[in-house]
C-alpha atoms as a PDB file:
ATOM      1  CA  UNK A   1      71.870  68.286 101.899  1.00  0.00           C
ATOM      2  CA  UNK A   2      74.590  65.773 102.802  1.00  0.00           C
ATOM      3  CA  UNK A   3      76.029  65.187 106.274  1.00  0.00           C
ATOM      4  CA  UNK A   4      79.285  67.009 105.459  1.00  0.00           C
ATOM      5  CA  UNK A   5      77.318  70.132 104.520  1.00  0.00           C
ATOM      6  CA  UNK A   6      75.416  70.153 107.818  1.00  0.00           C
ATOM      7  CA  UNK A   7      78.701  70.288 109.735  1.00  0.00           C
ATOM      8  CA  UNK A   8      79.329  73.775 108.307  1.00  0.00           C
ATOM      9  CA  UNK A   9      75.743  75.024 108.433  1.00  0.00           C
ATOM     10  CA  UNK A  10      74.764  78.287 110.108  1.00  0.00           C
ATOM     11  CA  UNK A  11      71.313  79.760 110.756  1.00  0.00           C
ATOM     12  CA  UNK A  12      70.509  83.393 109.981  1.00  0.00           C
ATOM     13  CA  UNK A  13      67.418  83.434 112.268  1.00  0.00           C
ATOM     14  CA  UNK A  14      67.829  80.706 114.917  1.00  0.00           C
ATOM     15  CA  UNK A  15      65.074  82.262 117.077  1.00  0.00           C
ATOM     16  CA  UNK A  16      62.495  80.510 114.880  1.00  0.00           C
ATOM     17  CA  UNK A  17      63.486  77.206 116.499  1.00  0.00           C
ATOM     18  CA  UNK A  18      61.458  78.268 119.551  1.00  0.00           C
ATOM     19  CA  UNK A  19      58.394  77.399 117.442  1.00  0.00           C
ATOM     20  CA  UNK A  20      59.381  73.715 117.739  1.00  0.00           C
ATOM     21  CA  UNK A  21      58.058  73.890 121.296  1.00  0.00           C
ATOM     22  CA  UNK A  22      54.603  73.802 119.706  1.00  0.00           C
ATOM     23  CA  UNK A  23      55.110  70.198 118.540  1.00  0.00           C
ATOM     24  CA  UNK A  24      54.091  68.672 121.913  1.00  0.00           C
ATOM     25  CA  UNK A  25      50.969  70.858 121.781  1.00  0.00           C
ATOM     26  CA  UNK A  26      50.232  69.575 118.279  1.00  0.00           C
ATOM     27  CA  UNK A  27      50.612  65.966 119.444  1.00  0.00           C
ATOM     28  CA  UNK A  28      48.284  66.568 122.408  1.00  0.00           C
ATOM     29  CA  UNK A  29      45.716  68.247 120.193  1.00  0.00           C
ATOM     30  CA  UNK A  30      45.863  65.384 117.651  1.00  0.00           C
ATOM     31  CA  UNK A  31      45.315  62.746 120.340  1.00  0.00           C
ATOM     32  CA  UNK A  32      42.475  64.768 121.890  1.00  0.00           C
ATOM     33  CA  UNK A  33      40.785  65.330 118.508  1.00  0.00           C
ATOM     34  CA  UNK A  34      41.147  61.656 117.623  1.00  0.00           C
ATOM     35  CA  UNK A  35      39.304  60.601 120.742  1.00  0.00           C
ATOM     36  CA  UNK A  36      36.527  63.074 119.981  1.00  0.00           C
ATOM     37  CA  UNK A  37      35.925  61.523 116.551  1.00  0.00           C
ATOM     38  CA  UNK A  38      35.925  57.919 117.833  1.00  0.00           C
ATOM     39  CA  UNK A  39      32.519  56.296 118.005  1.00  0.00           C
ATOM     40  CA  UNK A  40      31.513  53.888 120.801  1.00  0.00           C
ATOM     41  CA  UNK A  41      28.906  51.285 121.585  1.00  0.00           C
ATOM     42  CA  UNK A  42      28.372  48.954 124.487  1.00  0.00           C
ATOM     43  CA  UNK A  43      28.636  45.163 124.266  1.00  0.00           C
ATOM     44  CA  UNK A  44      28.343  42.570 126.941  1.00  0.00           C
ATOM     45  CA  UNK A  45      31.775  41.032 126.195  1.00  0.00           C
ATOM     46  CA  UNK A  46      34.890  41.664 124.032  1.00  0.00           C
ATOM     47  CA  UNK A  47      35.832  37.993 124.023  1.00  0.00           C
ATOM     48  CA  UNK A  48      34.487  37.386 120.538  1.00  0.00           C
ATOM     49  CA  UNK A  49      36.360  40.374 119.022  1.00  0.00           C
ATOM     50  CA  UNK A  50      39.861  39.298 120.049  1.00  0.00           C
ATOM     51  CA  UNK A  51      40.584  37.280 116.957  1.00  0.00           C
ATOM     52  CA  UNK A  52      39.502  39.892 114.440  1.00  0.00           C
ATOM     53  CA  UNK A  53      42.348  41.345 112.288  1.00  0.00           C
ATOM     54  CA  UNK A  54      43.250  45.031 112.647  1.00  0.00           C
ATOM     55  CA  UNK A  55      42.667  47.041 109.478  1.00  0.00           C
ATOM     56  CA  UNK A  56      45.729  48.544 107.757  1.00  0.00           C
ATOM     57  CA  UNK A  57      43.927  51.874 107.746  1.00  0.00           C
ATOM     58  CA  UNK A  58      43.850  51.780 111.535  1.00  0.00           C
ATOM     59  CA  UNK A  59      47.546  50.904 111.680  1.00  0.00           C
ATOM     60  CA  UNK A  60      48.660  53.666 109.293  1.00  0.00           C
ATOM     61  CA  UNK A  61      46.258  56.451 110.322  1.00  0.00           C
ATOM     62  CA  UNK A  62      48.931  57.945 112.739  1.00  0.00           C
ATOM     63  CA  UNK A  63      50.919  58.644 109.543  1.00  0.00           C
ATOM     64  CA  UNK A  64      48.706  61.686 108.902  1.00  0.00           C
ATOM     65  CA  UNK A  65      49.620  63.680 112.052  1.00  0.00           C
ATOM     66  CA  UNK A  66      53.242  62.510 111.643  1.00  0.00           C
ATOM     67  CA  UNK A  67      53.350  64.055 108.160  1.00  0.00           C
ATOM     68  CA  UNK A  68      51.899  67.272 109.557  1.00  0.00           C
ATOM     69  CA  UNK A  69      54.510  67.418 112.315  1.00  0.00           C
ATOM     70  CA  UNK A  70      57.339  66.708 109.854  1.00  0.00           C
ATOM     71  CA  UNK A  71      56.027  69.477 107.589  1.00  0.00           C
ATOM     72  CA  UNK A  72      55.881  71.894 110.537  1.00  0.00           C
ATOM     73  CA  UNK A  73      59.459  71.050 111.666  1.00  0.00           C
ATOM     74  CA  UNK A  74      60.808  71.413 108.117  1.00  0.00           C
ATOM     75  CA  UNK A  75      59.027  74.747 107.687  1.00  0.00           C
ATOM     76  CA  UNK A  76      60.428  76.093 110.991  1.00  0.00           C
ATOM     77  CA  UNK A  77      63.945  75.027 109.966  1.00  0.00           C
ATOM     78  CA  UNK A  78      63.494  76.727 106.599  1.00  0.00           C
ATOM     79  CA  UNK A  79      62.375  79.934 108.333  1.00  0.00           C
ATOM     80  CA  UNK A  80      65.588  79.819 110.414  1.00  0.00           C
ATOM     81  CA  UNK A  81      67.419  80.119 107.069  1.00  0.00           C
ATOM     82  CA  UNK A  82      70.152  77.461 107.045  1.00  0.00           C
ATOM     83  CA  UNK A  83      73.155  78.693 105.094  1.00  0.00           C
ATOM     84  CA  UNK A  84      76.815  78.003 104.504  1.00  0.00           C
ATOM     85  CA  UNK A  85      79.443  80.689 104.139  1.00  0.00           C
ATOM     86  CA  UNK A  86      82.590  81.020 102.085  1.00  0.00           C
ATOM     87  CA  UNK A  87      85.111  83.389 103.659  1.00  0.00           C
ATOM     88  CA  UNK A  88      88.002  84.921 101.730  1.00  0.00           C
ATOM     89  CA  UNK A  89      90.603  87.418 102.918  1.00  0.00           C
ATOM     90  CA  UNK A  90      92.494  90.146 101.121  1.00  0.00           C
ATOM     91  CA  UNK A  91      95.778  91.008 102.860  1.00  0.00           C
ATOM     92  CA  UNK A  92      97.347  94.372 102.091  1.00  0.00           C
ATOM     93  CA  UNK A  93     100.790  94.593 103.648  1.00  0.00           C
ATOM     94  CA  UNK A  94     102.880  97.751 103.686  1.00  0.00           C
ATOM     95  CA  UNK A  95     106.243  96.165 104.479  1.00  0.00           C
ATOM     96  CA  UNK A  96     109.502  97.666 105.668  1.00  0.00           C
ATOM     97  CA  UNK A  97     112.876  97.007 104.070  1.00  0.00           C
ATOM     98  CA  UNK A  98     115.541  96.512 106.736  1.00  0.00           C
ATOM     99  CA  UNK A  99     119.292  95.997 106.559  1.00  0.00           C
ATOM    100  CA  UNK A 100     121.229  94.659 109.538  1.00  0.00           C
ATOM    101  CA  UNK A 101     124.758  96.094 109.469  1.00  0.00           C
ATOM    102  CA  UNK A 102     126.895  94.159 111.969  1.00  0.00           C
ATOM    103  CA  UNK A 103     130.457  94.809 113.081  1.00  0.00           C
ATOM    104  CA  UNK A 104     132.588  91.629 112.841  1.00  0.00           C
ATOM    105  CA  UNK A 105     135.935  93.114 113.894  1.00  0.00           C
ATOM    106  CA  UNK A 106     138.206  91.220 116.295  1.00  0.00           C
ATOM    107  CA  UNK A 107     136.961  93.218 119.281  1.00  0.00           C
ATOM    108  CA  UNK A 108     133.527  91.609 118.818  1.00  0.00           C
ATOM    109  CA  UNK A 109     135.047  88.472 120.390  1.00  0.00           C
ATOM    110  CA  UNK A 110     135.164  90.224 123.787  1.00  0.00           C
ATOM    111  CA  UNK A 111     133.313  88.239 126.417  1.00  0.00           C
ATOM    112  CA  UNK A 112     131.488  90.935 128.351  1.00  0.00           C
ATOM    113  CA  UNK A 113     128.411  89.493 126.576  1.00  0.00           C
ATOM    114  CA  UNK A 114     127.945  85.707 126.601  1.00  0.00           C
ATOM    115  CA  UNK A 115     129.480  83.753 125.039  1.00  0.00           C
ATOM    116  CA  UNK A 116     130.892  86.827 123.293  1.00  0.00           C
ATOM    117  CA  UNK A 117     129.630  89.979 121.580  1.00  0.00           C
ATOM    118  CA  UNK A 118     129.607  88.339 118.147  1.00  0.00           C
ATOM    119  CA  UNK A 119     127.481  85.332 119.132  1.00  0.00           C
ATOM    120  CA  UNK A 120     125.145  87.473 121.227  1.00  0.00           C
ATOM    121  CA  UNK A 121     124.617  89.817 118.273  1.00  0.00           C
ATOM    122  CA  UNK A 122     123.922  86.892 115.939  1.00  0.00           C
ATOM    123  CA  UNK A 123     121.390  85.291 118.298  1.00  0.00           C
ATOM    124  CA  UNK A 124     119.404  88.491 118.875  1.00  0.00           C
ATOM    125  CA  UNK A 125     119.491  89.314 115.142  1.00  0.00           C
ATOM    126  CA  UNK A 126     117.924  85.940 114.289  1.00  0.00           C
ATOM    127  CA  UNK A 127     115.221  86.437 116.926  1.00  0.00           C
ATOM    128  CA  UNK A 128     114.499  89.846 115.399  1.00  0.00           C
ATOM    129  CA  UNK A 129     114.242  88.315 111.909  1.00  0.00           C
ATOM    130  CA  UNK A 130     111.687  85.783 113.191  1.00  0.00           C
ATOM    131  CA  UNK A 131     109.485  88.625 114.439  1.00  0.00           C
ATOM    132  CA  UNK A 132     109.439  90.451 111.073  1.00  0.00           C
ATOM    133  CA  UNK A 133     107.270  88.056 109.073  1.00  0.00           C
ATOM    134  CA  UNK A 134     106.206  90.418 106.277  1.00  0.00           C
ATOM    135  CA  UNK A 135     109.416  92.459 105.878  1.00  0.00           C
ATOM    136  CA  UNK A 136     112.341  92.104 103.501  1.00  0.00           C
ATOM    137  CA  UNK A 137     115.621  92.014 105.428  1.00  0.00           C
ATOM    138  CA  UNK A 138     119.246  92.083 104.277  1.00  0.00           C
ATOM    139  CA  UNK A 139     122.599  91.625 106.012  1.00  0.00           C
ATOM    140  CA  UNK A 140     125.818  93.659 105.745  1.00  0.00           C
ATOM    141  CA  UNK A 141     128.979  92.869 107.702  1.00  0.00           C
ATOM    142  CA  UNK A 142     131.926  95.164 108.215  1.00  0.00           C
ATOM    143  CA  UNK A 143     135.268  95.451 109.984  1.00  0.00           C
ATOM    144  CA  UNK A 144     138.153  97.114 108.095  1.00  0.00           C
ATOM    145  CA  UNK A 145     135.960  96.879 104.961  1.00  0.00           C
ATOM    146  CA  UNK A 146     132.330  95.990 104.315  1.00  0.00           C
ATOM    147  CA  UNK A 147     130.509  93.231 102.493  1.00  0.00           C
ATOM    148  CA  UNK A 148     126.893  92.346 101.645  1.00  0.00           C
ATOM    149  CA  UNK A 149     126.403  88.976 103.299  1.00  0.00           C
ATOM    150  CA  UNK A 150     122.770  88.709 102.124  1.00  0.00           C
ATOM    151  CA  UNK A 151     120.723  91.076  99.884  1.00  0.00           C
ATOM    152  CA  UNK A 152     117.304  92.128 101.184  1.00  0.00           C
ATOM    153  CA  UNK A 153     115.000  89.127 100.914  1.00  0.00           C
ATOM    154  CA  UNK A 154     111.733  87.635 102.124  1.00  0.00           C
ATOM    155  CA  UNK A 155     113.448  84.254 102.440  1.00  0.00           C
ATOM    156  CA  UNK A 156     114.224  84.545 106.141  1.00  0.00           C
ATOM    157  CA  UNK A 157     115.488  80.959 106.351  1.00  0.00           C
ATOM    158  CA  UNK A 158     118.320  81.819 103.938  1.00  0.00           C
ATOM    159  CA  UNK A 159     118.981  85.063 105.802  1.00  0.00           C
ATOM    160  CA  UNK A 160     119.274  83.288 109.157  1.00  0.00           C
ATOM    161  CA  UNK A 161     121.662  80.786 107.621  1.00  0.00           C
ATOM    162  CA  UNK A 162     123.859  83.677 106.485  1.00  0.00           C
ATOM    163  CA  UNK A 163     123.758  85.187 109.970  1.00  0.00           C
ATOM    164  CA  UNK A 164     124.920  81.865 111.432  1.00  0.00           C
ATOM    165  CA  UNK A 165     127.924  81.860 109.070  1.00  0.00           C
ATOM    166  CA  UNK A 166     129.194  85.252 110.294  1.00  0.00           C
ATOM    167  CA  UNK A 167     132.598  85.005 111.995  1.00  0.00           C
ATOM    168  CA  UNK A 168     135.450  87.289 112.894  1.00  0.00           C
ATOM    169  CA  UNK A 169     138.289  87.301 110.358  1.00  0.00           C
ATOM    170  CA  UNK A 170     136.062  87.175 107.268  1.00  0.00           C
ATOM    171  CA  UNK A 171     137.316  90.658 106.336  1.00  0.00           C
ATOM    172  CA  UNK A 172     140.373  92.782 106.989  1.00  0.00           C
ATOM    173  CA  UNK A 173     140.380  93.798 110.659  1.00  0.00           C
ATOM    174  CA  UNK A 174     139.504  97.308 111.804  1.00  0.00           C
ATOM    175  CA  UNK A 175     136.299  99.279 112.348  1.00  0.00           C
ATOM    176  CA  UNK A 176     134.997 101.013 109.227  1.00  0.00           C
ATOM    177  CA  UNK A 177     131.656 102.343 110.463  1.00  0.00           C
ATOM    178  CA  UNK A 178     131.326 104.605 107.421  1.00  0.00           C
ATOM    179  CA  UNK A 179     131.768 101.649 105.078  1.00  0.00           C
ATOM    180  CA  UNK A 180     129.257  99.545 107.019  1.00  0.00           C
ATOM    181  CA  UNK A 181     126.679 102.319 106.824  1.00  0.00           C
ATOM    182  CA  UNK A 182     127.374 103.180 103.166  1.00  0.00           C
ATOM    183  CA  UNK A 183     127.043  99.558 102.023  1.00  0.00           C
ATOM    184  CA  UNK A 184     123.767  99.206 103.919  1.00  0.00           C
ATOM    185  CA  UNK A 185     122.474 102.400 102.267  1.00  0.00           C
ATOM    186  CA  UNK A 186     123.485 100.999  98.882  1.00  0.00           C
ATOM    187  CA  UNK A 187     121.323  97.924  99.568  1.00  0.00           C
ATOM    188  CA  UNK A 188     118.295 100.126 100.240  1.00  0.00           C
ATOM    189  CA  UNK A 189     118.569 103.185  97.988  1.00  0.00           C
ATOM    190  CA  UNK A 190     116.651 101.588  95.083  1.00  0.00           C
ATOM    191  CA  UNK A 191     113.894 100.156  97.289  1.00  0.00           C
ATOM    192  CA  UNK A 192     110.351 101.308  96.411  1.00  0.00           C
ATOM    193  CA  UNK A 193     108.818 100.836  99.878  1.00  0.00           C
ATOM    194  CA  UNK A 194     107.931 103.834 102.042  1.00  0.00           C
ATOM    195  CA  UNK A 195     109.920 102.754 105.118  1.00  0.00           C
ATOM    196  CA  UNK A 196     113.628 101.895 104.864  1.00  0.00           C
ATOM    197  CA  UNK A 197     115.586 101.094 108.015  1.00  0.00           C
ATOM    198  CA  UNK A 198     119.178 100.262 108.903  1.00  0.00           C
ATOM    199  CA  UNK A 199     120.192  98.734 112.238  1.00  0.00           C
ATOM    200  CA  UNK A 200     123.904  99.464 112.670  1.00  0.00           C
ATOM    201  CA  UNK A 201     125.668  97.514 115.437  1.00  0.00           C
ATOM    202  CA  UNK A 202     129.271  98.175 116.444  1.00  0.00           C
ATOM    203  CA  UNK A 203     131.523  98.014 119.491  1.00  0.00           C
ATOM    204  CA  UNK A 204     134.238 100.449 118.475  1.00  0.00           C
ATOM    205  CA  UNK A 205     135.415 103.701 116.955  1.00  0.00           C
ATOM    206  CA  UNK A 206     135.749 104.345 113.236  1.00  0.00           C
ATOM    207  CA  UNK A 207     139.465 103.943 112.461  1.00  0.00           C
ATOM    208  CA  UNK A 208     139.628 102.932 108.793  1.00  0.00           C
ATOM    209  CA  UNK A 209     137.623 102.690 105.586  1.00  0.00           C
ATOM    210  CA  UNK A 210     137.213 104.571 102.322  1.00  0.00           C
ATOM    211  CA  UNK A 211     133.974 106.332 103.355  1.00  0.00           C
ATOM    212  CA  UNK A 212     133.788 108.777 106.238  1.00  0.00           C
ATOM    213  CA  UNK A 213     130.848 108.045 108.619  1.00  0.00           C
ATOM    214  CA  UNK A 214     129.508 111.598 108.226  1.00  0.00           C
ATOM    215  CA  UNK A 215     129.530 111.212 104.437  1.00  0.00           C
ATOM    216  CA  UNK A 216     127.611 107.940 104.776  1.00  0.00           C
ATOM    217  CA  UNK A 217     125.202 109.752 107.110  1.00  0.00           C
ATOM    218  CA  UNK A 218     124.459 112.399 104.465  1.00  0.00           C
ATOM    219  CA  UNK A 219     123.815 109.693 101.871  1.00  0.00           C
ATOM    220  CA  UNK A 220     121.375 107.948 104.242  1.00  0.00           C
ATOM    221  CA  UNK A 221     119.565 111.252 104.829  1.00  0.00           C
ATOM    222  CA  UNK A 222     119.364 111.897 101.092  1.00  0.00           C
ATOM    223  CA  UNK A 223     117.575 108.563 100.551  1.00  0.00           C
ATOM    224  CA  UNK A 224     115.375 109.081 103.645  1.00  0.00           C
ATOM    225  CA  UNK A 225     116.687 105.978 105.364  1.00  0.00           C
ATOM    226  CA  UNK A 226     116.186 105.742 109.114  1.00  0.00           C
ATOM    227  CA  UNK A 227     119.179 104.428 111.064  1.00  0.00           C
ATOM    228  CA  UNK A 228     119.051 102.809 114.497  1.00  0.00           C
ATOM    229  CA  UNK A 229     122.511 102.527 116.023  1.00  0.00           C
ATOM    230  CA  UNK A 230     123.585 100.102 118.747  1.00  0.00           C
ATOM    231  CA  UNK A 231     126.799 100.356 120.754  1.00  0.00           C
ATOM    232  CA  UNK A 232     127.789  96.965 122.195  1.00  0.00           C
ATOM    233  CA  UNK A 233     130.065  96.627 125.211  1.00  0.00           C
ATOM    234  CA  UNK A 234     130.195  97.027 128.957  1.00  0.00           C
ATOM    235  CA  UNK A 235     131.401 100.158 130.717  1.00  0.00           C
ATOM    236  CA  UNK A 236     135.131 100.272 131.486  1.00  0.00           C
ATOM    237  CA  UNK A 237     137.117  97.155 130.555  1.00  0.00           C
ATOM    238  CA  UNK A 238     136.093  93.845 129.012  1.00  0.00           C
ATOM    239  CA  UNK A 239     137.845  90.450 128.783  1.00  0.00           C
ATOM    240  CA  UNK A 240     139.080  89.943 125.232  1.00  0.00           C
ATOM    241  CA  UNK A 241     141.118  87.136 123.636  1.00  0.00           C
ATOM    242  CA  UNK A 242     144.650  88.126 122.597  1.00  0.00           C
ATOM    243  CA  UNK A 243     147.124  86.088 120.561  1.00  0.00           C
ATOM    244  CA  UNK A 244     150.524  85.773 122.229  1.00  0.00           C
ATOM    245  CA  UNK A 245     153.885  85.639 120.363  1.00  0.00           C
ATOM    246  CA  UNK A 246     154.013  81.893 120.858  1.00  0.00           C
ATOM    247  CA  UNK A 247     150.609  81.505 119.161  1.00  0.00           C
ATOM    248  CA  UNK A 248     148.626  80.849 122.298  1.00  0.00           C
ATOM    249  CA  UNK A 249     145.444  82.795 123.104  1.00  0.00           C
ATOM    250  CA  UNK A 250     145.027  84.511 126.475  1.00  0.00           C
ATOM    251  CA  UNK A 251     142.278  86.660 127.905  1.00  0.00           C
ATOM    252  CA  UNK A 252     143.225  90.267 128.605  1.00  0.00           C
ATOM    253  CA  UNK A 253     141.231  93.188 129.964  1.00  0.00           C
ATOM    254  CA  UNK A 254     140.897  95.846 127.283  1.00  0.00           C
ATOM    255  CA  UNK A 255     139.260  99.261 127.293  1.00  0.00           C
ATOM    256  CA  UNK A 256     135.774  99.514 125.832  1.00  0.00           C
ATOM    257  CA  UNK A 257     135.734 102.417 123.393  1.00  0.00           C
ATOM    258  CA  UNK A 258     132.533 103.275 121.521  1.00  0.00           C
ATOM    259  CA  UNK A 259     132.082 106.516 119.597  1.00  0.00           C
ATOM    260  CA  UNK A 260     128.720 107.291 121.184  1.00  0.00           C
ATOM    261  CA  UNK A 261     128.554 110.920 119.963  1.00  0.00           C
ATOM    262  CA  UNK A 262     128.877 109.677 116.371  1.00  0.00           C
ATOM    263  CA  UNK A 263     126.312 106.910 116.941  1.00  0.00           C
ATOM    264  CA  UNK A 264     123.842 109.410 118.416  1.00  0.00           C
ATOM    265  CA  UNK A 265     124.391 111.855 115.553  1.00  0.00           C
ATOM    266  CA  UNK A 266     123.769 109.202 112.899  1.00  0.00           C
ATOM    267  CA  UNK A 267     120.595 108.026 114.635  1.00  0.00           C
ATOM    268  CA  UNK A 268     119.191 111.459 115.491  1.00  0.00           C
ATOM    269  CA  UNK A 269     119.710 113.041 112.078  1.00  0.00           C
ATOM    270  CA  UNK A 270     118.064 110.130 110.255  1.00  0.00           C
ATOM    271  CA  UNK A 271     115.069 109.896 112.609  1.00  0.00           C
ATOM    272  CA  UNK A 272     116.272 106.802 114.458  1.00  0.00           C
ATOM    273  CA  UNK A 273     117.565 106.222 117.991  1.00  0.00           C
ATOM    274  CA  UNK A 274     120.833 105.257 119.630  1.00  0.00           C
ATOM    275  CA  UNK A 275     120.955 102.337 122.092  1.00  0.00           C
ATOM    276  CA  UNK A 276     123.698 101.008 124.358  1.00  0.00           C
ATOM    277  CA  UNK A 277     123.871  97.281 125.041  1.00  0.00           C
ATOM    278  CA  UNK A 278     126.016  96.356 128.042  1.00  0.00           C
ATOM    279  CA  UNK A 279     124.847  92.740 128.391  1.00  0.00           C
ATOM    280  CA  UNK A 280     122.780  90.077 126.620  1.00  0.00           C
ATOM    281  CA  UNK A 281     119.486  91.142 128.190  1.00  0.00           C
ATOM    282  CA  UNK A 282     119.868  94.780 127.220  1.00  0.00           C
ATOM    283  CA  UNK A 283     120.801  93.817 123.650  1.00  0.00           C
ATOM    284  CA  UNK A 284     117.693  91.659 123.389  1.00  0.00           C
ATOM    285  CA  UNK A 285     115.542  94.468 124.805  1.00  0.00           C
ATOM    286  CA  UNK A 286     116.974  96.896 122.241  1.00  0.00           C
ATOM    287  CA  UNK A 287     115.919  94.714 119.313  1.00  0.00           C
ATOM    288  CA  UNK A 288     112.479  94.286 120.889  1.00  0.00           C
ATOM    289  CA  UNK A 289     112.193  98.066 121.244  1.00  0.00           C
ATOM    290  CA  UNK A 290     113.146  98.592 117.600  1.00  0.00           C
ATOM    291  CA  UNK A 291     110.628  95.918 116.627  1.00  0.00           C
ATOM    292  CA  UNK A 292     107.893  97.906 118.420  1.00  0.00           C
ATOM    293  CA  UNK A 293     108.989 101.211 116.886  1.00  0.00           C
ATOM    294  CA  UNK A 294     109.018  99.890 113.322  1.00  0.00           C
ATOM    295  CA  UNK A 295     105.731  98.044 112.953  1.00  0.00           C
ATOM    296  CA  UNK A 296     104.566  96.821 109.574  1.00  0.00           C
ATOM    297  CA  UNK A 297     101.112  98.001 108.498  1.00  0.00           C
ATOM    298  CA  UNK A 298      98.957  95.008 107.580  1.00  0.00           C
ATOM    299  CA  UNK A 299      95.300  95.431 106.586  1.00  0.00           C
ATOM    300  CA  UNK A 300      93.130  92.312 106.342  1.00  0.00           C
ATOM    301  CA  UNK A 301      89.772  92.641 104.590  1.00  0.00           C
ATOM    302  CA  UNK A 302      87.408  89.709 105.049  1.00  0.00           C
ATOM    303  CA  UNK A 303      84.718  88.821 102.512  1.00  0.00           C
ATOM    304  CA  UNK A 304      81.909  86.437 103.479  1.00  0.00           C
ATOM    305  CA  UNK A 305      79.549  84.967 100.875  1.00  0.00           C
ATOM    306  CA  UNK A 306      76.460  83.045 101.995  1.00  0.00           C
ATOM    307  CA  UNK A 307      74.679  80.226 100.184  1.00  0.00           C
ATOM    308  CA  UNK A 308      71.063  79.603 101.243  1.00  0.00           C
ATOM    309  CA  UNK A 309      69.750  76.061 101.879  1.00  0.00           C
ATOM    310  CA  UNK A 310      66.141  76.693 102.977  1.00  0.00           C
ATOM    311  CA  UNK A 311      64.567  75.722  99.642  1.00  0.00           C
ATOM    312  CA  UNK A 312      64.867  71.889 100.012  1.00  0.00           C
ATOM    313  CA  UNK A 313      63.333  72.133 103.498  1.00  0.00           C
ATOM    314  CA  UNK A 314      60.456  74.254 102.190  1.00  0.00           C
ATOM    315  CA  UNK A 315      59.857  71.638  99.493  1.00  0.00           C
ATOM    316  CA  UNK A 316      59.839  68.852 102.108  1.00  0.00           C
ATOM    317  CA  UNK A 317      57.271  70.800 104.150  1.00  0.00           C
ATOM    318  CA  UNK A 318      55.069  71.364 101.101  1.00  0.00           C
ATOM    319  CA  UNK A 319      55.342  67.724  99.999  1.00  0.00           C
ATOM    320  CA  UNK A 320      54.393  66.446 103.460  1.00  0.00           C
ATOM    321  CA  UNK A 321      51.383  68.792 103.646  1.00  0.00           C
ATOM    322  CA  UNK A 322      50.159  67.803 100.174  1.00  0.00           C
ATOM    323  CA  UNK A 323      50.613  64.107 100.949  1.00  0.00           C
ATOM    324  CA  UNK A 324      48.772  64.495 104.255  1.00  0.00           C
ATOM    325  CA  UNK A 325      45.846  66.259 102.578  1.00  0.00           C
ATOM    326  CA  UNK A 326      45.757  63.709  99.755  1.00  0.00           C
ATOM    327  CA  UNK A 327      45.700  60.716 102.117  1.00  0.00           C
ATOM    328  CA  UNK A 328      43.184  62.364 104.443  1.00  0.00           C
ATOM    329  CA  UNK A 329      40.631  62.816 101.668  1.00  0.00           C
ATOM    330  CA  UNK A 330      41.258  59.554  99.821  1.00  0.00           C
ATOM    331  CA  UNK A 331      42.541  56.434 101.634  1.00  0.00           C
ATOM    332  CA  UNK A 332      41.872  57.752 105.150  1.00  0.00           C
ATOM    333  CA  UNK A 333      38.731  59.697 104.407  1.00  0.00           C
ATOM    334  CA  UNK A 334      36.328  59.782 107.340  1.00  0.00           C
ATOM    335  CA  UNK A 335      32.661  59.059 106.840  1.00  0.00           C
ATOM    336  CA  UNK A 336      30.211  61.518 108.412  1.00  0.00           C
END
């Protein structure tokens, strides 16, 4: 087994390593037994024996207990069952198809949210997209008419780029809530996933469009699409840019008018919820709440396959024992 393999090694029965504590006992017993077998005789002086060479058998005799200890250590390690594992995962994701339908009418430039409603809506939408890793998401924009800015996609980088490019004036001005909802439904009606969701964000009252909001609601119900609606704007009046006759732009206080009864009806009858965002923090909290309500089901199944590596160690133990026995009864054989 190479060094790289040992870095990933695991032991099925590591408790066997406690047996290695017997090695000091084995060493003590070997030394004690060796002394018992040593013969002795008395001489008057050792001076004449100093120059005699030491036999190679004497030098290499400690090899026998060393082989026995190596065999014992290898056998204990083999009993601990060294093994490597190969882990694979099967990910089963039940995703949700989502369409963001965002109002881009001129009133979305009001500055009761910072820097304005439009930019606040774009920022929170991109944060929401980042949190939906395994979902397909699309983007619809509407004002006096509606337009698919991005079809539902798993390429969230492209989607976020399309969100960044949203600006007021892309479409005829007005607030066609029915068109915004109908176009979003059209993006989802052919989807095969179990959960289909629309997040409809507006700051006004439906005042134009070819599709009535209640008609769009019935279509959404027919395709079992859940709609979360968000009304954006403070209570009372909000500072909004207005173009003067001379072409200059001035801030004026305008009434905030949101058709909340319609928003609630659309949400309730499709199984969603209506939210009111009066500032940046509340808008962010709304998207976080929707994110919690619509969680994607992801099941991860892990498979672990083990490869055993005890056999080489068992062979080392056997080889050391055989070599020890062979040497003991041949080269290092003791005479009675």
